Amino acid sequence: MISKKTVHAIELCVLLAGQRSAGYMTTMDLSPRLDLSISYLENILKSLKDHALVLSMKGPGGGYMIRGDISRISMWDVACVFETTLAAAEGGSDAASHGSYELELEQVVIRTLKSFTLADFADFCASDASAYAEVVGRFKFKPLPVPFMPKAPNSVFQLSASL
């Protein structure tokens, strides 16, 4: 019912809402946090920008930011950018062609998404960002894996001593 693109867009908006005090975020910052490619993120961000949910600024210090009050932007506001309802797909005229079950399920999903705002989830995201910064560090390098140390003699002399 809800596409992966919509789920990624909601996660992206929640992340941007949680980082609102930090200013604009670039796609280079967003990509590893959401584990999405930069081109896919730009595709999502373009749609969100076209629907006035996201602001963008070019140049140094630029990036993307949520537009407006995050307590007034519902999850459905984000989802409806990418999803079409059954009634809208049929033009609202032939709702009987779909079973009442599908229509009622869709209404439950819409009501649920309308009941939550970005502010409801932004606090969780902000606390997760500090943990991410500690792991990635100042230069944004991922931590190195622990090197493998073989448990074997490293010289001929140690080899003869172990026999």
N, C-alpha and C. Protein backbone atom coordinates (compact mmCIF):
# COMPACT_ATOMS: atom_id res chain seq x y z
N MET A 1 0.83 -1.19 0.00
CA MET A 1 0.00 0.00 0.00
C MET A 1 0.87 1.25 0.00
N ILE A 2 1.85 1.30 0.87
CA ILE A 2 2.75 2.46 0.90
C ILE A 2 4.07 2.02 0.29
N SER A 3 4.55 2.78 -0.69
CA SER A 3 5.77 2.39 -1.40
C SER A 3 7.01 2.66 -0.55
N LYS A 4 8.11 2.02 -0.95
CA LYS A 4 9.38 2.24 -0.25
C LYS A 4 9.83 3.69 -0.40
N LYS A 5 9.54 4.28 -1.53
CA LYS A 5 9.92 5.67 -1.75
C LYS A 5 9.22 6.58 -0.74
N THR A 6 7.98 6.29 -0.45
CA THR A 6 7.24 7.07 0.55
C THR A 6 7.84 6.88 1.93
N VAL A 7 8.19 5.67 2.26
CA VAL A 7 8.81 5.39 3.57
C VAL A 7 10.13 6.13 3.68
N HIS A 8 10.94 6.11 2.61
CA HIS A 8 12.21 6.82 2.61
C HIS A 8 11.99 8.34 2.73
N ALA A 9 10.95 8.84 2.07
CA ALA A 9 10.66 10.27 2.15
C ALA A 9 10.25 10.67 3.56
N ILE A 10 9.48 9.83 4.23
CA ILE A 10 9.08 10.12 5.61
C ILE A 10 10.31 10.09 6.52
N GLU A 11 11.17 9.08 6.35
CA GLU A 11 12.40 9.02 7.16
C GLU A 11 13.27 10.24 6.91
N LEU A 12 13.36 10.67 5.67
CA LEU A 12 14.15 11.84 5.31
C LEU A 12 13.59 13.10 5.97
N CYS A 13 12.29 13.27 5.92
CA CYS A 13 11.66 14.46 6.53
C CYS A 13 11.82 14.45 8.05
N VAL A 14 11.71 13.30 8.66
CA VAL A 14 11.91 13.20 10.11
C VAL A 14 13.35 13.56 10.46
N LEU A 15 14.30 13.08 9.68
CA LEU A 15 15.70 13.43 9.92
C LEU A 15 15.94 14.93 9.75
N LEU A 16 15.39 15.52 8.71
CA LEU A 16 15.54 16.96 8.50
C LEU A 16 14.86 17.75 9.61
N ALA A 17 13.74 17.27 10.08
CA ALA A 17 13.04 17.96 11.18
C ALA A 17 13.85 17.88 12.46
N GLY A 18 14.48 16.75 12.71
CA GLY A 18 15.30 16.59 13.91
C GLY A 18 16.56 17.41 13.88
N GLN A 19 17.05 17.70 12.69
CA GLN A 19 18.29 18.46 12.54
C GLN A 19 18.04 19.92 12.16
N ARG A 20 16.83 20.38 12.35
CA ARG A 20 16.47 21.73 11.93
C ARG A 20 17.34 22.80 12.60
N SER A 21 17.67 22.61 13.86
CA SER A 21 18.48 23.60 14.57
C SER A 21 19.91 23.64 14.04
N ALA A 22 20.36 22.57 13.39
CA ALA A 22 21.72 22.52 12.84
C ALA A 22 21.82 23.26 11.51
N GLY A 23 20.70 23.64 10.93
CA GLY A 23 20.72 24.36 9.66
C GLY A 23 20.52 23.42 8.48
N TYR A 24 20.98 23.86 7.34
CA TYR A 24 20.82 23.09 6.11
C TYR A 24 21.71 21.85 6.14
N MET A 25 21.18 20.76 5.59
CA MET A 25 21.93 19.51 5.51
C MET A 25 22.11 19.14 4.04
N THR A 26 23.32 18.74 3.69
CA THR A 26 23.61 18.35 2.32
C THR A 26 23.24 16.90 2.07
N THR A 27 23.16 16.55 0.80
CA THR A 27 22.87 15.16 0.47
C THR A 27 24.04 14.27 0.87
N MET A 28 25.24 14.84 0.94
CA MET A 28 26.41 14.07 1.40
C MET A 28 26.25 13.69 2.87
N ASP A 29 25.62 14.56 3.68
CA ASP A 29 25.37 14.25 5.09
C ASP A 29 24.20 13.28 5.24
N LEU A 30 23.19 13.44 4.40
CA LEU A 30 21.98 12.63 4.52
C LEU A 30 22.17 11.20 4.01
N SER A 31 22.95 11.04 2.98
CA SER A 31 23.10 9.74 2.32
C SER A 31 23.56 8.62 3.26
N PRO A 32 24.64 8.79 4.03
CA PRO A 32 25.04 7.67 4.90
C PRO A 32 24.08 7.44 6.07
N ARG A 33 23.42 8.48 6.51
CA ARG A 33 22.50 8.32 7.64
C ARG A 33 21.26 7.52 7.25
N LEU A 34 20.82 7.71 6.02
CA LEU A 34 19.62 7.00 5.56
C LEU A 34 19.97 5.76 4.73
N ASP A 35 21.25 5.59 4.45
CA ASP A 35 21.72 4.47 3.64
C ASP A 35 21.04 4.46 2.27
N LEU A 36 21.00 5.64 1.65
CA LEU A 36 20.42 5.81 0.32
C LEU A 36 21.44 6.50 -0.57
N SER A 37 21.35 6.28 -1.87
CA SER A 37 22.27 6.94 -2.79
C SER A 37 21.91 8.42 -2.90
N ILE A 38 22.90 9.20 -3.29
CA ILE A 38 22.70 10.65 -3.41
C ILE A 38 21.69 10.96 -4.52
N SER A 39 21.75 10.26 -5.63
CA SER A 39 20.81 10.53 -6.73
C SER A 39 19.38 10.19 -6.33
N TYR A 40 19.19 9.11 -5.57
CA TYR A 40 17.85 8.73 -5.10
C TYR A 40 17.33 9.79 -4.11
N LEU A 41 18.21 10.26 -3.22
CA LEU A 41 17.82 11.31 -2.29
C LEU A 41 17.42 12.58 -3.03
N GLU A 42 18.20 12.95 -4.04
CA GLU A 42 17.88 14.16 -4.81
C GLU A 42 16.54 14.03 -5.52
N ASN A 43 16.22 12.84 -5.98
CA ASN A 43 14.93 12.59 -6.61
C ASN A 43 13.79 12.81 -5.61
N ILE A 44 13.94 12.27 -4.43
CA ILE A 44 12.92 12.46 -3.38
C ILE A 44 12.83 13.93 -2.98
N LEU A 45 13.99 14.55 -2.77
CA LEU A 45 14.02 15.95 -2.33
C LEU A 45 13.41 16.88 -3.37
N LYS A 46 13.58 16.58 -4.65
CA LYS A 46 12.98 17.41 -5.69
C LYS A 46 11.46 17.41 -5.57
N SER A 47 10.89 16.22 -5.37
CA SER A 47 9.42 16.14 -5.23
C SER A 47 8.96 16.88 -3.98
N LEU A 48 9.69 16.71 -2.87
CA LEU A 48 9.32 17.41 -1.64
C LEU A 48 9.45 18.92 -1.78
N LYS A 49 10.45 19.36 -2.52
CA LYS A 49 10.64 20.79 -2.77
C LYS A 49 9.52 21.33 -3.64
N ASP A 50 9.13 20.58 -4.68
CA ASP A 50 8.04 21.00 -5.56
C ASP A 50 6.72 21.13 -4.83
N HIS A 51 6.54 20.37 -3.75
CA HIS A 51 5.31 20.43 -2.95
C HIS A 51 5.47 21.32 -1.71
N ALA A 52 6.52 22.14 -1.68
CA ALA A 52 6.76 23.14 -0.64
C ALA A 52 6.90 22.55 0.76
N LEU A 53 7.46 21.37 0.86
CA LEU A 53 7.72 20.78 2.17
C LEU A 53 9.18 20.97 2.59
N VAL A 54 10.05 21.21 1.61
CA VAL A 54 11.48 21.33 1.87
C VAL A 54 12.01 22.60 1.20
N LEU A 55 12.91 23.27 1.91
CA LEU A 55 13.63 24.41 1.35
C LEU A 55 15.00 23.93 0.89
N SER A 56 15.53 24.56 -0.15
CA SER A 56 16.89 24.24 -0.58
C SER A 56 17.66 25.53 -0.80
N MET A 57 18.96 25.43 -0.57
CA MET A 57 19.83 26.56 -0.80
C MET A 57 21.11 26.04 -1.43
N LYS A 58 21.53 26.70 -2.52
CA LYS A 58 22.74 26.29 -3.21
C LYS A 58 23.95 26.98 -2.61
N GLY A 59 25.11 26.43 -2.90
CA GLY A 59 26.37 27.05 -2.50
C GLY A 59 26.88 26.57 -1.16
N PRO A 60 28.01 27.18 -0.74
CA PRO A 60 28.59 26.81 0.56
C PRO A 60 27.60 27.10 1.70
N GLY A 61 27.48 26.17 2.59
CA GLY A 61 26.52 26.31 3.69
C GLY A 61 25.10 25.96 3.29
N GLY A 62 24.92 25.55 2.06
CA GLY A 62 23.59 25.22 1.56
C GLY A 62 23.22 23.78 1.84
N GLY A 63 22.09 23.41 1.32
CA GLY A 63 21.58 22.06 1.51
C GLY A 63 20.07 22.08 1.55
N TYR A 64 19.49 21.25 2.40
CA TYR A 64 18.03 21.11 2.49
C TYR A 64 17.59 21.26 3.93
N MET A 65 16.38 21.80 4.08
CA MET A 65 15.79 22.01 5.40
C MET A 65 14.26 21.90 5.27
N ILE A 66 13.62 21.47 6.33
CA ILE A 66 12.15 21.40 6.34
C ILE A 66 11.60 22.82 6.31
N ARG A 67 10.55 23.02 5.52
CA ARG A 67 9.91 24.33 5.42
C ARG A 67 8.68 24.35 6.32
N GLY A 68 8.58 25.37 7.15
CA GLY A 68 7.40 25.53 7.98
C GLY A 68 7.55 24.92 9.36
N ASP A 69 6.46 24.94 10.08
CA ASP A 69 6.40 24.44 11.45
C ASP A 69 6.25 22.92 11.43
N ILE A 70 7.21 22.21 12.05
CA ILE A 70 7.18 20.75 12.00
C ILE A 70 6.02 20.15 12.79
N SER A 71 5.44 20.93 13.68
CA SER A 71 4.29 20.43 14.43
C SER A 71 3.00 20.54 13.61
N ARG A 72 3.07 21.16 12.45
CA ARG A 72 1.89 21.30 11.59
C ARG A 72 1.99 20.46 10.32
N ILE A 73 3.12 19.80 10.12
CA ILE A 73 3.29 18.96 8.94
C ILE A 73 3.04 17.51 9.35
N SER A 74 1.96 16.95 8.83
CA SER A 74 1.63 15.57 9.19
C SER A 74 2.39 14.59 8.30
N MET A 75 2.42 13.35 8.75
CA MET A 75 3.05 12.30 7.96
C MET A 75 2.30 12.11 6.64
N TRP A 76 1.00 12.35 6.66
CA TRP A 76 0.22 12.23 5.43
C TRP A 76 0.59 13.33 4.44
N ASP A 77 0.96 14.52 4.93
CA ASP A 77 1.40 15.58 4.02
C ASP A 77 2.61 15.13 3.22
N VAL A 78 3.49 14.38 3.85
CA VAL A 78 4.68 13.86 3.16
C VAL A 78 4.26 12.69 2.26
N ALA A 79 3.45 11.79 2.77
CA ALA A 79 3.08 10.58 2.02
C ALA A 79 2.26 10.90 0.78
N CYS A 80 1.39 11.89 0.84
CA CYS A 80 0.53 12.17 -0.31
C CYS A 80 1.30 12.75 -1.49
N VAL A 81 2.54 13.18 -1.28
CA VAL A 81 3.37 13.62 -2.39
C VAL A 81 3.67 12.44 -3.32
N PHE A 82 3.82 11.25 -2.75
CA PHE A 82 4.23 10.08 -3.53
C PHE A 82 3.12 9.05 -3.73
N GLU A 83 2.05 9.13 -2.96
CA GLU A 83 0.99 8.13 -3.03
C GLU A 83 -0.27 8.71 -3.64
N THR A 84 -0.99 7.89 -4.38
CA THR A 84 -2.32 8.26 -4.86
C THR A 84 -3.33 7.35 -4.18
N THR A 85 -4.44 7.92 -3.79
CA THR A 85 -5.48 7.13 -3.11
C THR A 85 -6.30 6.38 -4.15
N LEU A 86 -7.02 5.39 -3.70
CA LEU A 86 -7.87 4.62 -4.61
C LEU A 86 -8.96 5.51 -5.21
N ALA A 87 -9.51 6.39 -4.41
CA ALA A 87 -10.56 7.30 -4.91
C ALA A 87 -9.99 8.24 -5.96
N ALA A 88 -8.79 8.74 -5.75
CA ALA A 88 -8.18 9.64 -6.73
C ALA A 88 -7.78 8.90 -8.00
N ALA A 89 -7.36 7.65 -7.85
CA ALA A 89 -6.98 6.86 -9.03
C ALA A 89 -8.17 6.58 -9.93
N GLU A 90 -9.34 6.41 -9.33
CA GLU A 90 -10.55 6.14 -10.09
C GLU A 90 -11.28 7.42 -10.48
N GLY A 91 -10.78 8.54 -10.04
CA GLY A 91 -11.47 9.80 -10.30
C GLY A 91 -12.64 10.02 -9.36
N GLY A 92 -12.72 9.20 -8.32
CA GLY A 92 -13.77 9.37 -7.32
C GLY A 92 -15.13 8.88 -7.77
N SER A 93 -15.24 8.37 -9.01
CA SER A 93 -16.57 8.02 -9.51
C SER A 93 -16.93 6.56 -9.28
N ASP A 94 -15.97 5.67 -9.40
CA ASP A 94 -16.29 4.25 -9.33
C ASP A 94 -15.61 3.60 -8.13
N ALA A 95 -15.98 4.02 -6.96
CA ALA A 95 -15.40 3.46 -5.74
C ALA A 95 -15.88 2.03 -5.49
N ALA A 96 -16.99 1.65 -6.12
CA ALA A 96 -17.54 0.32 -5.90
C ALA A 96 -16.70 -0.76 -6.58
N SER A 97 -15.86 -0.37 -7.56
CA SER A 97 -15.04 -1.38 -8.24
C SER A 97 -14.00 -1.97 -7.30
N HIS A 98 -13.57 -1.19 -6.32
CA HIS A 98 -12.67 -1.71 -5.29
C HIS A 98 -13.53 -2.21 -4.15
N GLY A 99 -13.07 -3.26 -3.51
CA GLY A 99 -13.82 -3.78 -2.38
C GLY A 99 -13.86 -2.77 -1.25
N SER A 100 -14.86 -2.85 -0.44
CA SER A 100 -14.98 -1.91 0.68
C SER A 100 -13.82 -2.10 1.66
N TYR A 101 -13.28 -3.31 1.68
CA TYR A 101 -12.15 -3.60 2.57
C TYR A 101 -10.95 -2.72 2.22
N GLU A 102 -10.60 -2.65 0.93
CA GLU A 102 -9.45 -1.85 0.51
C GLU A 102 -9.66 -0.37 0.82
N LEU A 103 -10.86 0.12 0.55
CA LEU A 103 -11.16 1.53 0.81
C LEU A 103 -11.11 1.85 2.30
N GLU A 104 -11.66 0.95 3.12
CA GLU A 104 -11.63 1.18 4.56
C GLU A 104 -10.21 1.10 5.11
N LEU A 105 -9.42 0.15 4.61
CA LEU A 105 -8.02 0.05 5.02
C LEU A 105 -7.25 1.30 4.64
N GLU A 106 -7.49 1.80 3.45
CA GLU A 106 -6.84 3.03 3.01
C GLU A 106 -7.22 4.20 3.92
N GLN A 107 -8.47 4.28 4.31
CA GLN A 107 -8.91 5.36 5.19
C GLN A 107 -8.25 5.27 6.56
N VAL A 108 -8.07 4.06 7.06
CA VAL A 108 -7.39 3.87 8.34
C VAL A 108 -5.94 4.34 8.24
N VAL A 109 -5.28 3.98 7.16
CA VAL A 109 -3.88 4.40 6.96
C VAL A 109 -3.80 5.92 6.88
N ILE A 110 -4.69 6.53 6.13
CA ILE A 110 -4.69 7.99 5.98
C ILE A 110 -4.95 8.67 7.32
N ARG A 111 -5.95 8.20 8.06
CA ARG A 111 -6.24 8.80 9.38
C ARG A 111 -5.05 8.66 10.32
N THR A 112 -4.40 7.50 10.28
CA THR A 112 -3.24 7.28 11.15
C THR A 112 -2.10 8.22 10.78
N LEU A 113 -1.80 8.33 9.51
CA LEU A 113 -0.72 9.22 9.07
C LEU A 113 -1.04 10.68 9.35
N LYS A 114 -2.30 11.05 9.26
CA LYS A 114 -2.70 12.43 9.57
C LYS A 114 -2.59 12.73 11.05
N SER A 115 -2.67 11.70 11.89
CA SER A 115 -2.65 11.93 13.34
C SER A 115 -1.24 12.17 13.89
N PHE A 116 -0.21 11.90 13.11
CA PHE A 116 1.17 12.10 13.56
C PHE A 116 1.82 13.22 12.76
N THR A 117 2.65 14.00 13.45
CA THR A 117 3.38 15.08 12.79
C THR A 117 4.88 14.78 12.83
N LEU A 118 5.64 15.56 12.09
CA LEU A 118 7.09 15.41 12.10
C LEU A 118 7.66 15.69 13.49
N ALA A 119 7.03 16.60 14.23
CA ALA A 119 7.51 16.94 15.57
C ALA A 119 7.41 15.74 16.52
N ASP A 120 6.45 14.86 16.28
CA ASP A 120 6.29 13.68 17.13
C ASP A 120 7.52 12.77 17.07
N PHE A 121 8.23 12.78 15.95
CA PHE A 121 9.37 11.88 15.76
C PHE A 121 10.71 12.60 15.72
N ALA A 122 10.71 13.92 15.65
CA ALA A 122 11.95 14.68 15.50
C ALA A 122 12.84 14.55 16.73
N ASP A 123 12.28 14.45 17.93
CA ASP A 123 13.09 14.34 19.14
C ASP A 123 13.90 13.05 19.16
N PHE A 124 13.29 11.95 18.71
CA PHE A 124 14.02 10.69 18.65
C PHE A 124 15.18 10.79 17.68
N CYS A 125 14.95 11.46 16.58
CA CYS A 125 15.98 11.60 15.55
C CYS A 125 17.12 12.47 16.03
N ALA A 126 16.84 13.53 16.77
CA ALA A 126 17.88 14.44 17.25
C ALA A 126 18.81 13.73 18.24
N SER A 127 18.27 12.87 19.09
CA SER A 127 19.12 12.14 20.03
C SER A 127 19.98 11.11 19.30
N ASP A 128 19.47 10.55 18.21
CA ASP A 128 20.22 9.58 17.43
C ASP A 128 21.36 10.26 16.66
N ALA A 129 21.21 11.53 16.32
CA ALA A 129 22.23 12.24 15.53
C ALA A 129 23.52 12.41 16.31
N SER A 130 23.44 12.66 17.63
CA SER A 130 24.66 12.81 18.41
C SER A 130 25.42 11.49 18.48
N ALA A 131 24.70 10.38 18.58
CA ALA A 131 25.35 9.07 18.58
C ALA A 131 26.01 8.80 17.23
N TYR A 132 25.37 9.22 16.16
CA TYR A 132 25.95 9.05 14.83
C TYR A 132 27.22 9.88 14.70
N ALA A 133 27.22 11.11 15.20
CA ALA A 133 28.40 11.98 15.11
C ALA A 133 29.57 11.39 15.90
N GLU A 134 29.29 10.75 17.02
CA GLU A 134 30.37 10.14 17.80
C GLU A 134 30.99 8.96 17.05
N VAL A 135 30.18 8.18 16.36
CA VAL A 135 30.68 7.02 15.65
C VAL A 135 31.46 7.44 14.40
N VAL A 136 30.90 8.39 13.64
CA VAL A 136 31.52 8.79 12.39
C VAL A 136 32.69 9.72 12.62
N GLY A 137 32.61 10.60 13.59
CA GLY A 137 33.72 11.48 13.93
C GLY A 137 33.73 12.77 13.13
N ARG A 138 34.74 13.56 13.41
CA ARG A 138 34.85 14.90 12.84
C ARG A 138 35.06 14.88 11.33
N PHE A 139 35.81 13.91 10.84
CA PHE A 139 36.13 13.87 9.42
C PHE A 139 35.21 12.97 8.62
N LYS A 140 34.16 12.47 9.25
CA LYS A 140 33.13 11.66 8.62
C LYS A 140 33.65 10.36 8.02
N PHE A 141 34.69 9.79 8.64
CA PHE A 141 35.17 8.48 8.25
C PHE A 141 34.44 7.43 9.06
N LYS A 142 34.10 6.35 8.42
CA LYS A 142 33.49 5.25 9.14
C LYS A 142 34.57 4.56 9.96
N PRO A 143 34.20 3.97 11.10
CA PRO A 143 35.22 3.29 11.91
C PRO A 143 35.80 2.10 11.16
N LEU A 144 37.08 1.88 11.36
CA LEU A 144 37.76 0.76 10.72
C LEU A 144 37.44 -0.54 11.45
N PRO A 145 37.40 -1.64 10.71
CA PRO A 145 37.18 -2.92 11.38
C PRO A 145 38.41 -3.29 12.21
N VAL A 146 38.19 -4.09 13.22
CA VAL A 146 39.28 -4.54 14.07
C VAL A 146 40.18 -5.44 13.24
N PRO A 147 41.50 -5.16 13.21
CA PRO A 147 42.38 -5.99 12.36
C PRO A 147 42.48 -7.41 12.90
N PHE A 148 42.61 -8.33 11.98
CA PHE A 148 42.73 -9.74 12.34
C PHE A 148 44.19 -10.03 12.67
N MET A 149 44.43 -10.58 13.83
CA MET A 149 45.78 -10.95 14.25
C MET A 149 45.85 -12.47 14.32
N PRO A 150 46.65 -13.08 13.43
CA PRO A 150 46.73 -14.54 13.46
C PRO A 150 47.45 -15.02 14.72
N LYS A 151 47.08 -16.17 15.20
CA LYS A 151 47.71 -16.75 16.39
C LYS A 151 48.68 -17.83 15.92
N ALA A 152 49.77 -17.36 15.36
CA ALA A 152 50.80 -18.27 14.85
C ALA A 152 52.16 -17.63 15.09
N PRO A 153 53.20 -18.41 15.10
CA PRO A 153 54.54 -17.84 15.26
C PRO A 153 54.86 -16.93 14.08
N ASN A 154 55.55 -15.81 14.35
CA ASN A 154 55.85 -14.90 13.27
C ASN A 154 57.31 -14.95 12.83
N SER A 155 58.08 -15.90 13.34
CA SER A 155 59.45 -16.08 12.89
C SER A 155 59.84 -17.55 13.01
N VAL A 156 60.95 -17.88 12.37
CA VAL A 156 61.43 -19.25 12.42
C VAL A 156 61.84 -19.62 13.83
N PHE A 157 62.38 -18.65 14.57
CA PHE A 157 62.83 -18.92 15.94
C PHE A 157 61.65 -19.23 16.86
N GLN A 158 60.53 -18.50 16.70
CA GLN A 158 59.34 -18.79 17.51
C GLN A 158 58.74 -20.14 17.12
N LEU A 159 58.86 -20.49 15.85
CA LEU A 159 58.35 -21.76 15.38
C LEU A 159 59.13 -22.92 16.01
N SER A 160 60.44 -22.82 16.05
CA SER A 160 61.23 -23.90 16.63
C SER A 160 61.05 -23.96 18.15
N ALA A 161 60.79 -22.84 18.78
CA ALA A 161 60.58 -22.82 20.22
C ALA A 161 59.24 -23.44 20.59
N SER A 162 58.26 -23.33 19.70
CA SER A 162 56.94 -23.88 20.00
C SER A 162 56.87 -25.38 19.78
N LEU A 163 57.84 -25.95 19.07
CA LEU A 163 57.85 -27.40 18.82
C LEU A 163 58.53 -28.11 19.90
